[in-house]
Amino acid sequence: MDKTLIGIVLVAGGAVSLAVAAWVVSWYRQRKLLEEAREWPTTEAIVQSGALEGTRESGRGVRPTFAFSYQVSGHYYSGRFCLIRSWRSAGKTSVESLIQQIIGHKLLLRYDPNRPEAWFIPDEYIDGCKVGQKIGLHVIHSYYPKD
């Protein structure tokens, strides 16, 4: 092998190693943040509204997405989450009826006592659908609205 090819192989190998290391660090931080969030104090949140919205991760489709509000020490905060399941088998009517059913729903919420605007829904499922939410800068499940 000539020196150019060896250099390319070494640079590519280094780049792959760096990418894997960055992913491992990110995964570790995400898990640590999730463990901390499971210990935050709880409050009750109320789902205020819902609609079908596209998300970055769903790409091709839409998901039922909900806005909720909660109160900590007399101050109101809000957040959003989506519900995930195979909507291909369900008709649009059943998705819309689920949205109407969830509006007004009360749910348990954990919030960061140092930053009450940071929240986490500890339930993994609501009405048989996986809860998609974000926490911190990282995605816990899969919710980010499209730009």
N, C-alpha and C. Protein backbone atom coordinates (compact mmCIF):
# COMPACT_ATOMS: atom_id res chain seq x y z
N MET A 1 0.85 -1.19 0.00
CA MET A 1 0.00 0.00 0.00
C MET A 1 0.88 1.24 0.00
N ASP A 2 0.43 2.23 -0.71
CA ASP A 2 1.20 3.47 -0.70
C ASP A 2 0.77 4.32 0.50
N LYS A 3 1.55 5.37 0.77
CA LYS A 3 1.32 6.21 1.95
C LYS A 3 -0.02 6.95 1.90
N THR A 4 -0.49 7.32 0.71
CA THR A 4 -1.75 8.05 0.58
C THR A 4 -2.92 7.18 1.03
N LEU A 5 -2.91 5.93 0.57
CA LEU A 5 -3.99 5.02 0.95
C LEU A 5 -3.97 4.75 2.45
N ILE A 6 -2.80 4.57 3.01
CA ILE A 6 -2.69 4.34 4.45
C ILE A 6 -3.21 5.57 5.21
N GLY A 7 -2.87 6.75 4.74
CA GLY A 7 -3.35 7.98 5.37
C GLY A 7 -4.86 8.09 5.32
N ILE A 8 -5.45 7.75 4.17
CA ILE A 8 -6.91 7.79 4.04
C ILE A 8 -7.57 6.80 4.98
N VAL A 9 -7.02 5.59 5.06
CA VAL A 9 -7.57 4.57 5.96
C VAL A 9 -7.47 5.03 7.42
N LEU A 10 -6.35 5.61 7.79
CA LEU A 10 -6.18 6.08 9.17
C LEU A 10 -7.14 7.23 9.49
N VAL A 11 -7.31 8.17 8.59
CA VAL A 11 -8.23 9.29 8.81
C VAL A 11 -9.67 8.78 8.90
N ALA A 12 -10.05 7.89 8.00
CA ALA A 12 -11.42 7.34 8.02
C ALA A 12 -11.65 6.56 9.31
N GLY A 13 -10.68 5.75 9.70
CA GLY A 13 -10.82 4.99 10.94
C GLY A 13 -10.93 5.90 12.15
N GLY A 14 -10.14 6.97 12.16
CA GLY A 14 -10.22 7.93 13.26
C GLY A 14 -11.56 8.64 13.30
N ALA A 15 -12.09 8.99 12.13
CA ALA A 15 -13.40 9.66 12.08
C ALA A 15 -14.51 8.73 12.58
N VAL A 16 -14.46 7.48 12.18
CA VAL A 16 -15.47 6.51 12.65
C VAL A 16 -15.35 6.33 14.16
N SER A 17 -14.13 6.20 14.66
CA SER A 17 -13.93 6.04 16.11
C SER A 17 -14.44 7.24 16.88
N LEU A 18 -14.18 8.43 16.35
CA LEU A 18 -14.66 9.65 16.99
C LEU A 18 -16.19 9.72 17.00
N ALA A 19 -16.80 9.34 15.90
CA ALA A 19 -18.27 9.34 15.82
C ALA A 19 -18.87 8.35 16.82
N VAL A 20 -18.29 7.18 16.92
CA VAL A 20 -18.79 6.17 17.86
C VAL A 20 -18.61 6.67 19.29
N ALA A 21 -17.48 7.26 19.59
CA ALA A 21 -17.24 7.78 20.94
C ALA A 21 -18.24 8.89 21.28
N ALA A 22 -18.51 9.77 20.33
CA ALA A 22 -19.49 10.85 20.56
C ALA A 22 -20.87 10.27 20.80
N TRP A 23 -21.25 9.23 20.07
CA TRP A 23 -22.56 8.60 20.26
C TRP A 23 -22.64 7.96 21.65
N VAL A 24 -21.59 7.29 22.07
CA VAL A 24 -21.58 6.64 23.39
C VAL A 24 -21.72 7.69 24.50
N VAL A 25 -20.99 8.80 24.39
CA VAL A 25 -21.08 9.87 25.39
C VAL A 25 -22.48 10.46 25.41
N SER A 26 -23.05 10.70 24.24
CA SER A 26 -24.41 11.24 24.15
C SER A 26 -25.42 10.27 24.78
N TRP A 27 -25.31 9.00 24.46
CA TRP A 27 -26.20 7.98 25.02
C TRP A 27 -26.08 7.95 26.55
N TYR A 28 -24.86 8.00 27.05
CA TYR A 28 -24.64 7.96 28.50
C TYR A 28 -25.27 9.19 29.18
N ARG A 29 -25.06 10.37 28.60
CA ARG A 29 -25.64 11.58 29.16
C ARG A 29 -27.17 11.52 29.14
N GLN A 30 -27.71 11.00 28.05
CA GLN A 30 -29.17 10.87 27.93
C GLN A 30 -29.71 9.96 29.03
N ARG A 31 -29.10 8.83 29.23
CA ARG A 31 -29.54 7.88 30.27
C ARG A 31 -29.42 8.51 31.65
N LYS A 32 -28.33 9.22 31.90
CA LYS A 32 -28.14 9.87 33.20
C LYS A 32 -29.22 10.93 33.43
N LEU A 33 -29.52 11.74 32.41
CA LEU A 33 -30.57 12.75 32.52
C LEU A 33 -31.92 12.09 32.77
N LEU A 34 -32.20 11.00 32.10
CA LEU A 34 -33.45 10.28 32.30
C LEU A 34 -33.55 9.74 33.73
N GLU A 35 -32.46 9.18 34.25
CA GLU A 35 -32.46 8.67 35.63
C GLU A 35 -32.72 9.81 36.61
N GLU A 36 -32.09 10.96 36.40
CA GLU A 36 -32.32 12.11 37.27
C GLU A 36 -33.77 12.58 37.19
N ALA A 37 -34.33 12.61 35.98
CA ALA A 37 -35.71 13.08 35.78
C ALA A 37 -36.70 12.19 36.50
N ARG A 38 -36.41 10.91 36.61
CA ARG A 38 -37.32 9.99 37.31
C ARG A 38 -37.41 10.28 38.81
N GLU A 39 -36.49 11.09 39.31
CA GLU A 39 -36.48 11.46 40.74
C GLU A 39 -37.04 12.86 40.98
N TRP A 40 -37.35 13.61 39.93
CA TRP A 40 -37.87 14.96 40.11
C TRP A 40 -39.23 14.91 40.81
N PRO A 41 -39.64 16.02 41.47
CA PRO A 41 -40.97 16.07 42.09
C PRO A 41 -42.07 15.98 41.02
N THR A 42 -43.26 15.62 41.46
CA THR A 42 -44.37 15.46 40.54
C THR A 42 -45.40 16.57 40.69
N THR A 43 -46.14 16.78 39.64
CA THR A 43 -47.29 17.67 39.63
C THR A 43 -48.28 17.11 38.63
N GLU A 44 -49.48 17.66 38.63
CA GLU A 44 -50.50 17.22 37.68
C GLU A 44 -50.55 18.17 36.50
N ALA A 45 -50.59 17.61 35.31
CA ALA A 45 -50.73 18.42 34.09
C ALA A 45 -52.07 18.10 33.45
N ILE A 46 -52.59 19.05 32.69
CA ILE A 46 -53.87 18.85 31.99
C ILE A 46 -53.62 19.07 30.50
N VAL A 47 -54.05 18.11 29.69
CA VAL A 47 -53.92 18.22 28.25
C VAL A 47 -54.92 19.27 27.77
N GLN A 48 -54.42 20.31 27.13
CA GLN A 48 -55.25 21.44 26.70
C GLN A 48 -55.76 21.30 25.27
N SER A 49 -54.93 20.75 24.39
CA SER A 49 -55.32 20.65 22.98
C SER A 49 -54.57 19.51 22.31
N GLY A 50 -55.04 19.15 21.12
CA GLY A 50 -54.39 18.09 20.36
C GLY A 50 -54.68 18.25 18.88
N ALA A 51 -53.77 17.77 18.05
CA ALA A 51 -53.94 17.84 16.59
C ALA A 51 -53.01 16.84 15.94
N LEU A 52 -53.28 16.51 14.70
CA LEU A 52 -52.37 15.68 13.92
C LEU A 52 -51.27 16.59 13.37
N GLU A 53 -50.02 16.25 13.66
CA GLU A 53 -48.90 17.06 13.21
C GLU A 53 -47.79 16.17 12.69
N GLY A 54 -47.08 16.66 11.69
CA GLY A 54 -45.90 15.96 11.22
C GLY A 54 -44.76 16.19 12.19
N THR A 55 -43.86 15.24 12.30
CA THR A 55 -42.68 15.38 13.14
C THR A 55 -41.46 15.09 12.31
N ARG A 56 -40.33 15.56 12.75
CA ARG A 56 -39.08 15.31 12.02
C ARG A 56 -38.81 13.82 11.89
N GLU A 57 -39.05 13.10 12.96
CA GLU A 57 -38.71 11.68 12.94
C GLU A 57 -39.73 10.84 12.19
N SER A 58 -41.00 11.24 12.21
CA SER A 58 -41.98 10.45 11.47
C SER A 58 -41.86 10.71 9.98
N GLY A 59 -41.33 11.89 9.62
CA GLY A 59 -41.04 12.20 8.23
C GLY A 59 -42.24 12.11 7.30
N ARG A 60 -42.63 10.91 6.95
CA ARG A 60 -43.70 10.70 5.97
C ARG A 60 -45.09 10.91 6.55
N GLY A 61 -45.26 10.72 7.83
CA GLY A 61 -46.61 10.73 8.38
C GLY A 61 -46.82 11.78 9.44
N VAL A 62 -47.96 11.68 10.07
CA VAL A 62 -48.32 12.60 11.14
C VAL A 62 -48.60 11.80 12.40
N ARG A 63 -48.51 12.47 13.51
CA ARG A 63 -48.79 11.84 14.80
C ARG A 63 -49.72 12.73 15.59
N PRO A 64 -50.57 12.14 16.42
CA PRO A 64 -51.38 12.95 17.33
C PRO A 64 -50.45 13.62 18.35
N THR A 65 -50.50 14.93 18.38
CA THR A 65 -49.60 15.73 19.21
C THR A 65 -50.45 16.58 20.15
N PHE A 66 -50.02 16.68 21.39
CA PHE A 66 -50.83 17.33 22.42
C PHE A 66 -50.04 18.41 23.14
N ALA A 67 -50.75 19.47 23.53
CA ALA A 67 -50.18 20.53 24.36
C ALA A 67 -50.82 20.41 25.75
N PHE A 68 -50.01 20.60 26.76
CA PHE A 68 -50.52 20.51 28.13
C PHE A 68 -49.98 21.67 28.95
N SER A 69 -50.60 21.89 30.10
CA SER A 69 -50.11 22.92 31.02
C SER A 69 -50.06 22.35 32.43
N TYR A 70 -49.20 22.95 33.23
CA TYR A 70 -49.06 22.54 34.63
C TYR A 70 -48.61 23.74 35.44
N GLN A 71 -48.74 23.61 36.75
CA GLN A 71 -48.45 24.72 37.63
C GLN A 71 -47.45 24.28 38.69
N VAL A 72 -46.45 25.13 38.94
CA VAL A 72 -45.46 24.90 39.99
C VAL A 72 -45.28 26.22 40.74
N SER A 73 -45.49 26.20 42.03
CA SER A 73 -45.33 27.39 42.89
C SER A 73 -46.06 28.61 42.34
N GLY A 74 -47.28 28.40 41.86
CA GLY A 74 -48.10 29.50 41.38
C GLY A 74 -47.79 29.99 39.98
N HIS A 75 -46.81 29.38 39.31
CA HIS A 75 -46.45 29.76 37.94
C HIS A 75 -46.90 28.66 36.98
N TYR A 76 -47.41 29.08 35.83
CA TYR A 76 -47.88 28.12 34.82
C TYR A 76 -46.79 27.85 33.80
N TYR A 77 -46.71 26.60 33.38
CA TYR A 77 -45.76 26.15 32.36
C TYR A 77 -46.52 25.26 31.38
N SER A 78 -45.91 25.02 30.25
CA SER A 78 -46.56 24.17 29.25
C SER A 78 -45.53 23.28 28.56
N GLY A 79 -46.05 22.30 27.85
CA GLY A 79 -45.20 21.39 27.10
C GLY A 79 -46.00 20.67 26.04
N ARG A 80 -45.33 19.83 25.27
CA ARG A 80 -45.98 19.08 24.19
C ARG A 80 -45.42 17.67 24.15
N PHE A 81 -46.27 16.75 23.76
CA PHE A 81 -45.85 15.36 23.55
C PHE A 81 -46.68 14.78 22.42
N CYS A 82 -46.25 13.66 21.89
CA CYS A 82 -47.04 12.98 20.87
C CYS A 82 -47.28 11.55 21.31
N LEU A 83 -48.21 10.89 20.65
CA LEU A 83 -48.48 9.49 20.90
C LEU A 83 -48.08 8.70 19.66
N ILE A 84 -47.44 7.56 19.89
CA ILE A 84 -46.87 6.78 18.80
C ILE A 84 -47.48 5.38 18.79
N ARG A 85 -47.99 4.98 17.66
CA ARG A 85 -48.40 3.61 17.40
C ARG A 85 -48.55 3.46 15.90
N SER A 86 -48.87 2.28 15.46
CA SER A 86 -49.03 2.07 14.03
C SER A 86 -50.38 2.64 13.60
N TRP A 87 -50.35 3.85 13.05
CA TRP A 87 -51.59 4.51 12.64
C TRP A 87 -52.04 4.05 11.27
N ARG A 88 -51.21 3.28 10.56
CA ARG A 88 -51.61 2.80 9.23
C ARG A 88 -52.83 1.90 9.32
N SER A 89 -52.86 1.10 10.38
CA SER A 89 -53.99 0.18 10.53
C SER A 89 -55.23 0.86 11.09
N ALA A 90 -55.02 2.03 11.70
CA ALA A 90 -56.17 2.74 12.28
C ALA A 90 -56.64 3.80 11.29
N GLY A 91 -57.92 4.00 11.20
CA GLY A 91 -58.46 5.02 10.32
C GLY A 91 -58.30 6.40 10.92
N LYS A 92 -58.44 7.41 10.08
CA LYS A 92 -58.31 8.79 10.54
C LYS A 92 -59.34 9.11 11.62
N THR A 93 -60.52 8.50 11.50
CA THR A 93 -61.57 8.75 12.49
C THR A 93 -61.13 8.29 13.87
N SER A 94 -60.48 7.12 13.96
CA SER A 94 -60.07 6.63 15.29
C SER A 94 -58.96 7.49 15.86
N VAL A 95 -58.07 8.02 15.02
CA VAL A 95 -57.02 8.92 15.50
C VAL A 95 -57.65 10.21 16.03
N GLU A 96 -58.59 10.76 15.28
CA GLU A 96 -59.24 11.99 15.72
C GLU A 96 -60.06 11.77 16.99
N SER A 97 -60.67 10.59 17.12
CA SER A 97 -61.42 10.33 18.35
C SER A 97 -60.47 10.17 19.53
N LEU A 98 -59.28 9.60 19.29
CA LEU A 98 -58.28 9.51 20.35
C LEU A 98 -57.87 10.91 20.80
N ILE A 99 -57.65 11.80 19.84
CA ILE A 99 -57.27 13.18 20.18
C ILE A 99 -58.34 13.80 21.07
N GLN A 100 -59.61 13.67 20.67
CA GLN A 100 -60.70 14.24 21.48
C GLN A 100 -60.77 13.60 22.86
N GLN A 101 -60.48 12.31 22.93
CA GLN A 101 -60.51 11.59 24.20
C GLN A 101 -59.40 12.06 25.14
N ILE A 102 -58.24 12.39 24.60
CA ILE A 102 -57.09 12.77 25.43
C ILE A 102 -57.20 14.22 25.91
N ILE A 103 -57.84 15.10 25.13
CA ILE A 103 -57.98 16.50 25.55
C ILE A 103 -58.75 16.53 26.88
N GLY A 104 -58.21 17.23 27.85
CA GLY A 104 -58.80 17.30 29.19
C GLY A 104 -58.25 16.23 30.12
N HIS A 105 -57.51 15.27 29.56
CA HIS A 105 -56.90 14.18 30.33
C HIS A 105 -55.87 14.76 31.31
N LYS A 106 -55.87 14.26 32.53
CA LYS A 106 -54.87 14.66 33.52
C LYS A 106 -53.75 13.62 33.51
N LEU A 107 -52.53 14.10 33.61
CA LEU A 107 -51.41 13.17 33.64
C LEU A 107 -50.39 13.61 34.67
N LEU A 108 -49.69 12.63 35.18
CA LEU A 108 -48.63 12.88 36.15
C LEU A 108 -47.40 13.37 35.40
N LEU A 109 -46.78 14.40 35.93
CA LEU A 109 -45.63 15.01 35.27
C LEU A 109 -44.54 15.19 36.30
N ARG A 110 -43.31 14.97 35.92
CA ARG A 110 -42.17 15.28 36.78
C ARG A 110 -41.51 16.53 36.23
N TYR A 111 -41.05 17.42 37.11
CA TYR A 111 -40.43 18.67 36.69
C TYR A 111 -39.14 18.88 37.47
N ASP A 112 -38.20 19.56 36.85
CA ASP A 112 -36.92 19.87 37.47
C ASP A 112 -37.15 20.97 38.51
N PRO A 113 -36.87 20.72 39.78
CA PRO A 113 -37.12 21.73 40.81
C PRO A 113 -36.27 22.99 40.63
N ASN A 114 -35.15 22.88 39.94
CA ASN A 114 -34.29 24.04 39.69
C ASN A 114 -34.71 24.81 38.44
N ARG A 115 -35.40 24.15 37.54
CA ARG A 115 -35.91 24.76 36.31
C ARG A 115 -37.27 24.15 36.01
N PRO A 116 -38.34 24.66 36.62
CA PRO A 116 -39.65 24.02 36.50
C PRO A 116 -40.19 23.94 35.07
N GLU A 117 -39.60 24.68 34.14
CA GLU A 117 -40.04 24.58 32.75
C GLU A 117 -39.53 23.29 32.09
N ALA A 118 -38.58 22.61 32.74
CA ALA A 118 -38.09 21.32 32.25
C ALA A 118 -38.95 20.23 32.87
N TRP A 119 -39.52 19.36 32.03
CA TRP A 119 -40.49 18.37 32.49
C TRP A 119 -40.21 17.02 31.86
N PHE A 120 -40.86 16.00 32.43
CA PHE A 120 -40.75 14.63 31.93
C PHE A 120 -42.03 13.90 32.28
N ILE A 121 -42.62 13.20 31.32
CA ILE A 121 -43.80 12.37 31.56
C ILE A 121 -43.30 10.96 31.86
N PRO A 122 -43.49 10.47 33.08
CA PRO A 122 -42.96 9.16 33.43
C PRO A 122 -43.73 7.99 32.81
N ASP A 123 -44.98 8.21 32.40
CA ASP A 123 -45.75 7.13 31.77
C ASP A 123 -45.16 6.84 30.39
N GLU A 124 -44.88 5.58 30.13
CA GLU A 124 -44.38 5.21 28.81
C GLU A 124 -45.51 5.08 27.81
N TYR A 125 -46.73 4.80 28.31
CA TYR A 125 -47.89 4.61 27.43
C TYR A 125 -49.08 5.38 27.97
N ILE A 126 -49.86 5.94 27.06
CA ILE A 126 -51.15 6.55 27.38
C ILE A 126 -52.15 5.95 26.41
N ASP A 127 -53.20 5.36 26.94
CA ASP A 127 -54.24 4.71 26.12
C ASP A 127 -53.66 3.76 25.08
N GLY A 128 -52.67 2.99 25.47
CA GLY A 128 -52.08 1.99 24.59
C GLY A 128 -51.10 2.52 23.57
N CYS A 129 -50.81 3.81 23.61
CA CYS A 129 -49.87 4.42 22.66
C CYS A 129 -48.61 4.86 23.40
N LYS A 130 -47.47 4.67 22.77
CA LYS A 130 -46.20 5.07 23.37
C LYS A 130 -46.12 6.60 23.40
N VAL A 131 -45.65 7.13 24.53
CA VAL A 131 -45.52 8.58 24.70
C VAL A 131 -44.20 9.02 24.07
N GLY A 132 -44.27 9.99 23.16
CA GLY A 132 -43.09 10.59 22.55
C GLY A 132 -42.87 11.94 23.19
N GLN A 133 -41.67 12.17 23.70
CA GLN A 133 -41.40 13.42 24.39
C GLN A 133 -39.93 13.76 24.26
N LYS A 134 -39.58 14.98 24.57
CA LYS A 134 -38.18 15.37 24.60
C LYS A 134 -37.83 15.78 26.02
N ILE A 135 -36.56 15.70 26.33
CA ILE A 135 -36.09 16.14 27.63
C ILE A 135 -34.71 16.74 27.42
N GLY A 136 -34.50 17.92 27.92
CA GLY A 136 -33.23 18.60 27.72
C GLY A 136 -32.97 18.83 26.25
N LEU A 137 -31.75 18.66 25.83
CA LEU A 137 -31.39 18.85 24.44
C LEU A 137 -31.55 17.56 23.65
N HIS A 138 -31.87 16.48 24.33
CA HIS A 138 -31.92 15.17 23.70
C HIS A 138 -33.36 14.68 23.58
N VAL A 139 -33.58 13.81 22.66
CA VAL A 139 -34.90 13.22 22.48
C VAL A 139 -34.97 11.95 23.31
N ILE A 140 -36.02 11.84 24.15
CA ILE A 140 -36.23 10.60 24.90
C ILE A 140 -36.85 9.57 23.98
N HIS A 141 -37.91 9.95 23.32
CA HIS A 141 -38.56 9.01 22.41
C HIS A 141 -38.48 9.54 21.00
N SER A 142 -39.32 10.43 20.60
CA SER A 142 -39.19 10.87 19.21
C SER A 142 -39.93 12.14 18.84
N TYR A 143 -40.16 13.04 19.75
CA TYR A 143 -40.94 14.20 19.37
C TYR A 143 -40.09 15.44 19.11
N TYR A 144 -40.20 15.97 17.96
CA TYR A 144 -39.70 17.29 17.58
C TYR A 144 -40.60 17.75 16.44
N PRO A 145 -41.25 18.89 16.53
CA PRO A 145 -42.09 19.32 15.42
C PRO A 145 -41.22 19.70 14.22
N LYS A 146 -41.81 19.59 13.01
CA LYS A 146 -41.10 20.02 11.82
C LYS A 146 -40.97 21.53 11.84
N ASP A 147 -39.91 22.04 11.23
CA ASP A 147 -39.74 23.51 11.12
C ASP A 147 -40.71 24.09 10.16
